[in-house]
Amino acid sequence: MCLKLEKNEQEWRESLSEDQYKVLREKATERPFSGTYVHFCETGTYLCKGCSNPLFSSKTKFDAGCGWPSFWDSLSEDRVKLVADHSLGMKRIEVICAKCDSHLGHIFEDGPRPTGKRFCINSIALEFSEQKD
């Protein structure tokens, strides 16, 4: 389990761009097909932009055609938290970083085997490390 990162809202505003703040702290969504990692195919690890918590491996990334980077699994269950999201009149499951509680995206049940999951993640909520998985 990762240690929690505690920042006040002023510290978040100082450490993130305006667009990053809107997504990670205010739960906005970037426009589809606009993110850096939608068609990105390098080998490595995707980290939380808010705290550098390792979240996803490039080995689990796939092209879902949805406009956002998609993964069929996280690095481990303790890296992300899944929370019921009933905003916008929909019933979804939000994916947040377990270390800093930043909004990452949502998870859906239409992914590939072996999990059948699709972690649909905002590119702006991620940073990439070329370190080998």
Protein backbone atom coordinates (compact mmCIF):
# COMPACT_ATOMS: atom_id res chain seq x y z
CA MET A 1 0.00 0.00 0.00
CA CYS A 2 1.31 3.44 -0.86
CA LEU A 3 1.67 6.28 1.62
CA LYS A 4 -0.92 9.05 1.20
CA LEU A 5 0.22 12.37 -0.23
CA GLU A 6 -1.40 15.31 1.51
CA LYS A 7 -1.53 18.70 -0.23
CA ASN A 8 -3.88 21.61 0.30
CA GLU A 9 -5.68 23.11 -2.69
CA GLN A 10 -3.20 25.99 -3.01
CA GLU A 11 -0.31 23.49 -3.24
CA TRP A 12 -2.22 21.55 -5.91
CA ARG A 13 -2.84 24.74 -7.91
CA GLU A 14 0.86 25.60 -7.74
CA SER A 15 2.04 22.14 -8.80
CA LEU A 16 -0.39 21.52 -11.70
CA SER A 17 -1.28 23.42 -14.84
CA GLU A 18 -4.80 24.83 -15.04
CA ASP A 19 -5.94 21.96 -17.31
CA GLN A 20 -4.28 19.35 -15.10
CA TYR A 21 -5.96 20.85 -12.05
CA LYS A 22 -9.38 20.72 -13.73
CA VAL A 23 -9.01 17.00 -14.49
CA LEU A 24 -7.11 15.72 -11.45
CA ARG A 25 -8.76 17.83 -8.74
CA GLU A 26 -12.13 18.89 -10.23
CA LYS A 27 -12.87 15.63 -12.12
CA ALA A 28 -13.09 17.17 -15.58
CA THR A 29 -12.46 15.10 -18.71
CA GLU A 30 -10.13 16.02 -21.54
CA ARG A 31 -11.52 16.00 -25.08
CA PRO A 32 -11.35 12.61 -26.79
CA PHE A 33 -8.31 12.01 -29.03
CA SER A 34 -6.62 15.16 -27.69
CA GLY A 35 -4.25 13.56 -25.17
CA THR A 36 -0.57 12.76 -25.50
CA TYR A 37 -0.93 9.07 -24.69
CA VAL A 38 -3.93 8.08 -26.84
CA HIS A 39 -1.76 6.65 -29.65
CA PHE A 40 1.47 6.41 -27.64
CA CYS A 41 3.17 3.01 -27.93
CA GLU A 42 6.44 3.21 -25.97
CA THR A 43 7.41 0.58 -23.40
CA GLY A 44 7.36 1.65 -19.76
CA THR A 45 5.16 2.69 -16.88
CA TYR A 46 2.41 5.29 -16.63
CA LEU A 47 2.50 7.34 -13.42
CA CYS A 48 0.02 9.67 -11.74
CA LYS A 49 0.72 13.26 -12.83
CA GLY A 50 -0.20 14.48 -9.34
CA CYS A 51 2.20 12.34 -7.31
CA SER A 52 4.23 10.01 -9.60
CA ASN A 53 2.53 6.90 -8.18
CA PRO A 54 3.12 4.06 -10.71
CA LEU A 55 -0.33 3.10 -12.03
CA PHE A 56 -0.28 1.19 -15.33
CA SER A 57 2.13 -0.81 -17.45
CA SER A 58 2.45 -0.35 -21.18
CA LYS A 59 2.01 -4.14 -21.32
CA THR A 60 -1.68 -3.70 -20.42
CA LYS A 61 -2.37 -0.72 -22.72
CA PHE A 62 -4.63 -1.32 -25.71
CA ASP A 63 -6.38 0.70 -28.39
CA ALA A 64 -10.04 0.82 -27.42
CA GLY A 65 -10.81 3.44 -30.06
CA CYS A 66 -12.54 5.55 -27.42
CA GLY A 67 -10.23 8.57 -27.55
CA TRP A 68 -8.45 8.06 -24.23
CA PRO A 69 -5.58 5.78 -23.18
CA SER A 70 -7.02 2.43 -22.14
CA PHE A 71 -5.57 -0.33 -19.97
CA TRP A 72 -6.98 -3.74 -19.11
CA ASP A 73 -5.40 -3.74 -15.63
CA SER A 74 -3.55 -1.54 -13.13
CA LEU A 75 -0.08 -2.40 -11.82
CA SER A 76 -1.69 -3.60 -8.59
CA GLU A 77 -4.99 -3.21 -6.77
CA ASP A 78 -3.46 -0.89 -4.18
CA ARG A 79 -2.35 1.71 -6.79
CA VAL A 80 -5.85 2.89 -7.70
CA LYS A 81 -9.18 3.18 -5.93
CA LEU A 82 -12.53 2.55 -7.56
CA VAL A 83 -15.38 4.78 -6.40
CA ALA A 84 -19.06 4.89 -7.42
CA ASP A 85 -19.75 7.94 -9.58
CA HIS A 86 -23.37 9.02 -10.12
CA SER A 87 -22.56 12.41 -11.66
CA LEU A 88 -24.08 13.60 -14.94
CA GLY A 89 -27.05 11.28 -14.40
CA MET A 90 -24.92 8.20 -15.11
CA LYS A 91 -23.86 5.21 -13.07
CA ARG A 92 -20.10 4.76 -13.51
CA ILE A 93 -17.03 3.72 -11.55
CA GLU A 94 -14.42 6.44 -11.11
CA VAL A 95 -10.71 5.56 -11.00
CA ILE A 96 -8.67 7.66 -8.59
CA CYS A 97 -5.03 7.52 -7.51
CA ALA A 98 -4.70 5.68 -4.20
CA LYS A 99 -1.80 7.91 -3.14
CA CYS A 100 -3.13 11.43 -3.81
CA ASP A 101 -6.86 10.93 -4.55
CA SER A 102 -6.53 12.54 -7.98
CA HIS A 103 -9.21 11.78 -10.57
CA LEU A 104 -7.77 9.63 -13.37
CA GLY A 105 -10.81 8.50 -15.36
CA HIS A 106 -13.35 5.67 -15.26
CA ILE A 107 -13.42 1.88 -15.55
CA PHE A 108 -15.81 -0.04 -17.79
CA GLU A 109 -16.64 -3.72 -18.27
CA ASP A 110 -15.96 -3.82 -22.02
CA GLY A 111 -12.22 -4.46 -22.11
CA PRO A 112 -10.22 -7.37 -23.51
CA ARG A 113 -9.22 -10.58 -21.83
CA PRO A 114 -7.93 -11.55 -19.39
CA THR A 115 -9.76 -9.01 -17.16
CA GLY A 116 -12.57 -7.73 -19.37
CA LYS A 117 -11.89 -4.29 -17.87
CA ARG A 118 -11.19 -1.00 -19.65
CA PHE A 119 -9.51 1.61 -17.50
CA CYS A 120 -10.31 4.73 -19.56
CA ILE A 121 -7.78 7.28 -18.32
CA ASN A 122 -7.20 10.95 -19.13
CA SER A 123 -3.75 11.47 -20.72
CA ILE A 124 -3.36 14.71 -18.80
CA ALA A 125 -3.60 12.73 -15.53
CA LEU A 126 -0.57 10.64 -16.51
CA GLU A 127 3.15 10.97 -16.99
CA PHE A 128 5.29 8.31 -18.62
CA SER A 129 8.48 6.65 -17.44
CA GLU A 130 10.58 4.75 -19.95
CA GLN A 131 11.86 2.48 -17.21
CA LYS A 132 11.24 -1.04 -18.31
CA ASP A 133 8.25 -2.77 -16.73
